[in-house]
N, C-alpha and C. Protein backbone atom coordinates (compact mmCIF):
# COMPACT_ATOMS: atom_id res chain seq x y z
N MET A 1 -5.04 -1.08 -18.00
CA MET A 1 -4.53 0.25 -17.92
C MET A 1 -3.43 0.31 -16.87
N LEU A 2 -2.29 0.81 -17.23
CA LEU A 2 -1.18 0.96 -16.29
C LEU A 2 -1.18 2.36 -15.72
N THR A 3 -0.79 2.46 -14.48
CA THR A 3 -0.61 3.76 -13.86
C THR A 3 0.69 3.74 -13.08
N VAL A 4 1.27 4.89 -12.88
CA VAL A 4 2.49 4.99 -12.09
C VAL A 4 2.11 5.39 -10.69
N VAL A 5 2.52 4.60 -9.74
CA VAL A 5 2.26 4.88 -8.33
C VAL A 5 3.48 5.54 -7.75
N ASN A 6 3.29 6.68 -7.17
CA ASN A 6 4.41 7.37 -6.54
C ASN A 6 4.88 6.61 -5.31
N CYS A 7 6.08 6.89 -4.93
CA CYS A 7 6.68 6.24 -3.77
C CYS A 7 5.85 6.52 -2.52
N ILE A 8 5.66 5.51 -1.68
CA ILE A 8 4.89 5.69 -0.46
C ILE A 8 5.75 6.12 0.71
N CYS A 9 7.04 6.19 0.51
CA CYS A 9 7.93 6.52 1.62
C CYS A 9 8.51 7.91 1.46
N GLU A 10 9.21 8.33 2.49
CA GLU A 10 9.92 9.61 2.42
C GLU A 10 11.06 9.45 1.42
N VAL A 11 11.43 10.52 0.77
CA VAL A 11 12.49 10.47 -0.24
C VAL A 11 13.79 9.97 0.35
N ASP A 12 14.14 10.41 1.55
CA ASP A 12 15.41 9.98 2.14
C ASP A 12 15.43 8.49 2.45
N VAL A 13 14.26 7.89 2.72
CA VAL A 13 14.19 6.45 2.96
C VAL A 13 14.48 5.70 1.67
N CYS A 14 13.98 6.22 0.54
CA CYS A 14 14.21 5.58 -0.75
C CYS A 14 15.70 5.48 -1.05
N GLN A 15 16.45 6.41 -0.55
CA GLN A 15 17.88 6.42 -0.82
C GLN A 15 18.64 5.49 0.13
N GLN A 16 17.92 4.88 1.05
CA GLN A 16 18.52 3.95 2.00
C GLN A 16 17.84 2.58 1.85
N PRO A 17 18.32 1.74 0.93
CA PRO A 17 17.65 0.46 0.64
C PRO A 17 17.45 -0.42 1.86
N SER A 18 18.34 -0.36 2.83
CA SER A 18 18.18 -1.22 4.00
C SER A 18 16.91 -0.88 4.77
N GLU A 19 16.50 0.38 4.76
CA GLU A 19 15.28 0.80 5.41
C GLU A 19 14.05 0.35 4.63
N HIS A 20 14.25 -0.04 3.40
CA HIS A 20 13.15 -0.38 2.51
C HIS A 20 13.18 -1.88 2.19
N ALA A 21 13.73 -2.68 3.10
CA ALA A 21 14.00 -4.08 2.82
C ALA A 21 12.75 -4.89 2.49
N MET A 22 11.60 -4.54 3.05
CA MET A 22 10.42 -5.36 2.82
C MET A 22 9.75 -5.06 1.50
N ARG A 23 10.17 -4.02 0.79
CA ARG A 23 9.60 -3.69 -0.50
C ARG A 23 10.69 -3.86 -1.55
N ASP A 24 10.37 -4.46 -2.67
CA ASP A 24 11.38 -4.62 -3.71
C ASP A 24 11.21 -3.58 -4.80
N TYR A 25 10.41 -2.58 -4.53
CA TYR A 25 10.22 -1.52 -5.49
C TYR A 25 9.95 -0.23 -4.75
N CYS A 26 10.15 0.85 -5.42
CA CYS A 26 9.88 2.15 -4.83
C CYS A 26 10.00 3.20 -5.92
N CYS A 27 9.33 4.29 -5.71
CA CYS A 27 9.46 5.47 -6.57
C CYS A 27 9.12 5.18 -8.04
N GLY A 28 7.88 5.35 -8.40
CA GLY A 28 7.49 5.25 -9.79
C GLY A 28 7.16 3.85 -10.26
N MET A 29 6.66 2.98 -9.40
CA MET A 29 6.29 1.63 -9.78
C MET A 29 5.06 1.66 -10.69
N LYS A 30 5.02 0.84 -11.71
CA LYS A 30 3.87 0.75 -12.60
C LYS A 30 2.99 -0.41 -12.15
N VAL A 31 1.69 -0.14 -12.03
CA VAL A 31 0.75 -1.17 -11.61
C VAL A 31 -0.49 -1.11 -12.50
N GLN A 32 -1.19 -2.23 -12.55
CA GLN A 32 -2.49 -2.28 -13.20
C GLN A 32 -3.51 -1.70 -12.22
N VAL A 33 -4.28 -0.74 -12.66
CA VAL A 33 -5.28 -0.13 -11.79
C VAL A 33 -6.24 -1.19 -11.24
N GLU A 34 -6.56 -2.18 -12.04
CA GLU A 34 -7.48 -3.24 -11.61
C GLU A 34 -6.91 -4.07 -10.47
N ASP A 35 -5.59 -4.02 -10.26
CA ASP A 35 -4.95 -4.79 -9.21
C ASP A 35 -4.93 -4.08 -7.86
N LEU A 36 -5.42 -2.84 -7.82
CA LEU A 36 -5.44 -2.09 -6.57
C LEU A 36 -6.72 -2.38 -5.81
N ILE A 37 -6.58 -2.62 -4.50
CA ILE A 37 -7.75 -2.92 -3.66
C ILE A 37 -7.72 -2.03 -2.42
N ASP A 38 -8.89 -1.77 -1.87
CA ASP A 38 -8.98 -0.95 -0.67
C ASP A 38 -9.07 -1.84 0.58
N SER A 39 -9.22 -1.20 1.74
CA SER A 39 -9.21 -1.96 2.99
C SER A 39 -10.40 -2.91 3.10
N MET A 40 -11.51 -2.60 2.46
CA MET A 40 -12.65 -3.51 2.49
C MET A 40 -12.30 -4.82 1.77
N ASP A 41 -11.65 -4.71 0.63
CA ASP A 41 -11.21 -5.91 -0.11
C ASP A 41 -10.15 -6.68 0.67
N VAL A 42 -9.21 -5.95 1.28
CA VAL A 42 -8.17 -6.60 2.07
C VAL A 42 -8.81 -7.39 3.21
N ALA A 43 -9.75 -6.76 3.91
CA ALA A 43 -10.43 -7.44 5.02
C ALA A 43 -11.13 -8.70 4.55
N GLN A 44 -11.77 -8.63 3.40
CA GLN A 44 -12.47 -9.80 2.86
C GLN A 44 -11.49 -10.92 2.54
N ILE A 45 -10.39 -10.60 1.90
CA ILE A 45 -9.38 -11.62 1.54
C ILE A 45 -8.82 -12.28 2.79
N LEU A 46 -8.59 -11.48 3.84
CA LEU A 46 -7.98 -12.00 5.06
C LEU A 46 -9.00 -12.60 6.02
N GLY A 47 -10.28 -12.49 5.69
CA GLY A 47 -11.32 -13.04 6.56
C GLY A 47 -11.54 -12.21 7.81
N LEU A 48 -11.31 -10.91 7.72
CA LEU A 48 -11.49 -10.02 8.86
C LEU A 48 -12.92 -9.50 8.90
N SER A 49 -13.37 -9.14 10.08
CA SER A 49 -14.76 -8.72 10.25
C SER A 49 -15.06 -7.34 9.69
N SER A 50 -14.05 -6.48 9.62
CA SER A 50 -14.30 -5.13 9.11
C SER A 50 -13.03 -4.54 8.52
N PRO A 51 -13.17 -3.54 7.67
CA PRO A 51 -12.00 -2.88 7.10
C PRO A 51 -11.11 -2.23 8.16
N ARG A 52 -11.69 -1.83 9.29
CA ARG A 52 -10.90 -1.22 10.38
C ARG A 52 -9.90 -2.21 10.97
N ALA A 53 -10.21 -3.48 10.88
CA ALA A 53 -9.31 -4.51 11.42
C ALA A 53 -8.01 -4.59 10.62
N VAL A 54 -8.01 -4.10 9.40
CA VAL A 54 -6.80 -4.11 8.58
C VAL A 54 -5.70 -3.29 9.27
N HIS A 55 -6.07 -2.16 9.84
CA HIS A 55 -5.10 -1.32 10.56
C HIS A 55 -4.47 -2.08 11.73
N VAL A 56 -5.28 -2.84 12.44
CA VAL A 56 -4.77 -3.65 13.56
C VAL A 56 -3.77 -4.68 13.03
N TYR A 57 -4.11 -5.32 11.92
CA TYR A 57 -3.20 -6.30 11.32
C TYR A 57 -1.89 -5.64 10.90
N GLN A 58 -1.97 -4.42 10.36
CA GLN A 58 -0.75 -3.72 9.94
C GLN A 58 0.17 -3.51 11.14
N SER A 59 -0.41 -3.24 12.31
CA SER A 59 0.39 -3.05 13.52
C SER A 59 0.92 -4.37 14.07
N ARG A 60 0.09 -5.39 14.00
CA ARG A 60 0.43 -6.69 14.58
C ARG A 60 1.43 -7.49 13.74
N TYR A 61 1.33 -7.37 12.42
CA TYR A 61 2.16 -8.17 11.53
C TYR A 61 3.03 -7.26 10.65
N PRO A 62 4.25 -7.00 11.07
CA PRO A 62 5.12 -6.08 10.32
C PRO A 62 5.45 -6.55 8.91
N ARG A 63 5.31 -7.84 8.64
CA ARG A 63 5.62 -8.34 7.29
C ARG A 63 4.41 -8.29 6.36
N MET A 64 3.28 -7.85 6.89
CA MET A 64 2.10 -7.69 6.03
C MET A 64 2.39 -6.61 5.00
N PRO A 65 2.03 -6.84 3.74
CA PRO A 65 2.27 -5.82 2.71
C PRO A 65 1.65 -4.49 3.10
N ARG A 66 2.36 -3.45 2.81
CA ARG A 66 1.90 -2.09 3.08
C ARG A 66 1.18 -1.54 1.86
N PRO A 67 0.33 -0.55 2.07
CA PRO A 67 -0.36 0.04 0.92
C PRO A 67 0.64 0.64 -0.07
N VAL A 68 0.34 0.54 -1.34
CA VAL A 68 1.18 1.19 -2.35
C VAL A 68 0.74 2.63 -2.54
N ILE A 69 -0.48 2.94 -2.10
CA ILE A 69 -0.95 4.32 -2.08
C ILE A 69 -1.52 4.58 -0.69
N ASP A 70 -0.99 5.59 -0.05
CA ASP A 70 -1.47 5.99 1.28
C ASP A 70 -1.58 7.51 1.26
N ARG A 71 -2.78 8.00 1.18
CA ARG A 71 -3.01 9.44 1.04
C ARG A 71 -3.10 10.13 2.38
N GLY A 72 -2.82 9.42 3.48
CA GLY A 72 -2.83 10.05 4.79
C GLY A 72 -4.06 9.67 5.60
N PRO A 73 -4.13 10.23 6.82
CA PRO A 73 -5.24 9.91 7.73
C PRO A 73 -6.60 10.20 7.10
N ASN A 74 -7.50 9.26 7.28
CA ASN A 74 -8.88 9.39 6.78
C ASN A 74 -8.98 9.56 5.27
N ARG A 75 -7.97 9.07 4.57
CA ARG A 75 -7.98 9.15 3.09
C ARG A 75 -7.70 7.76 2.54
N ALA A 76 -7.78 7.63 1.25
CA ALA A 76 -7.65 6.32 0.59
C ALA A 76 -6.29 5.68 0.82
N ARG A 77 -6.34 4.38 1.08
CA ARG A 77 -5.14 3.54 1.11
C ARG A 77 -5.45 2.36 0.21
N LEU A 78 -4.51 2.06 -0.70
CA LEU A 78 -4.72 0.98 -1.65
C LEU A 78 -3.54 0.03 -1.64
N TRP A 79 -3.84 -1.26 -1.70
CA TRP A 79 -2.85 -2.32 -1.71
C TRP A 79 -2.88 -3.01 -3.07
N LEU A 80 -1.80 -3.72 -3.36
CA LEU A 80 -1.79 -4.60 -4.53
C LEU A 80 -2.44 -5.92 -4.13
N LYS A 81 -3.46 -6.31 -4.86
CA LYS A 81 -4.19 -7.54 -4.54
C LYS A 81 -3.26 -8.74 -4.51
N SER A 82 -2.35 -8.83 -5.46
CA SER A 82 -1.44 -9.98 -5.54
C SER A 82 -0.59 -10.09 -4.27
N GLU A 83 -0.17 -8.98 -3.72
CA GLU A 83 0.64 -9.02 -2.49
C GLU A 83 -0.18 -9.51 -1.30
N ILE A 84 -1.40 -9.03 -1.19
CA ILE A 84 -2.26 -9.44 -0.07
C ILE A 84 -2.63 -10.92 -0.18
N VAL A 85 -2.98 -11.36 -1.37
CA VAL A 85 -3.34 -12.77 -1.57
C VAL A 85 -2.14 -13.66 -1.25
N SER A 86 -0.97 -13.29 -1.73
CA SER A 86 0.24 -14.07 -1.48
C SER A 86 0.55 -14.13 0.02
N TRP A 87 0.45 -13.01 0.70
CA TRP A 87 0.73 -12.96 2.13
C TRP A 87 -0.29 -13.80 2.90
N ALA A 88 -1.55 -13.74 2.51
CA ALA A 88 -2.58 -14.53 3.17
C ALA A 88 -2.32 -16.03 3.01
N LYS A 89 -1.91 -16.45 1.81
CA LYS A 89 -1.60 -17.86 1.58
C LYS A 89 -0.39 -18.29 2.41
N GLU A 90 0.62 -17.43 2.47
CA GLU A 90 1.82 -17.72 3.26
C GLU A 90 1.46 -17.88 4.75
N ARG A 91 0.63 -17.01 5.27
CA ARG A 91 0.19 -17.11 6.68
C ARG A 91 -0.60 -18.39 6.91
N GLN A 92 -1.45 -18.73 5.96
CA GLN A 92 -2.27 -19.94 6.11
C GLN A 92 -1.39 -21.18 6.14
N LEU A 93 -0.37 -21.23 5.28
CA LEU A 93 0.56 -22.37 5.27
C LEU A 93 1.33 -22.48 6.58
N LYS A 94 1.76 -21.34 7.11
CA LYS A 94 2.50 -21.35 8.38
C LYS A 94 1.60 -21.82 9.53
N ARG A 95 0.33 -21.44 9.50
CA ARG A 95 -0.59 -21.85 10.57
C ARG A 95 -0.91 -23.32 10.49
N GLN A 96 -0.86 -23.91 9.29
CA GLN A 96 -1.18 -25.32 9.12
C GLN A 96 -0.01 -26.22 9.51
N SER A 97 1.22 -25.68 9.47
CA SER A 97 2.38 -26.54 9.78
C SER A 97 2.80 -26.45 11.22
């Protein structure tokens, strides 16, 4: 099942691609619902002790994928599983070299 995910950024940011350099999509991206994961899944993939640690990682690692859905404080945030898995593998390779 495909769903359209609304843009996670402010409208004026979408009109400034340089501000959106870390994302190659914005405004109306289509995703498979099954590919969306919450902070508990992200923590598990990254080997973190709790979902709360995901927020710390977001602050510490600016290149970590951002949620594609962020409903605000104390509300659901969802990431694309493929982005998190890819980023985790990239970090693991960098740590090994």
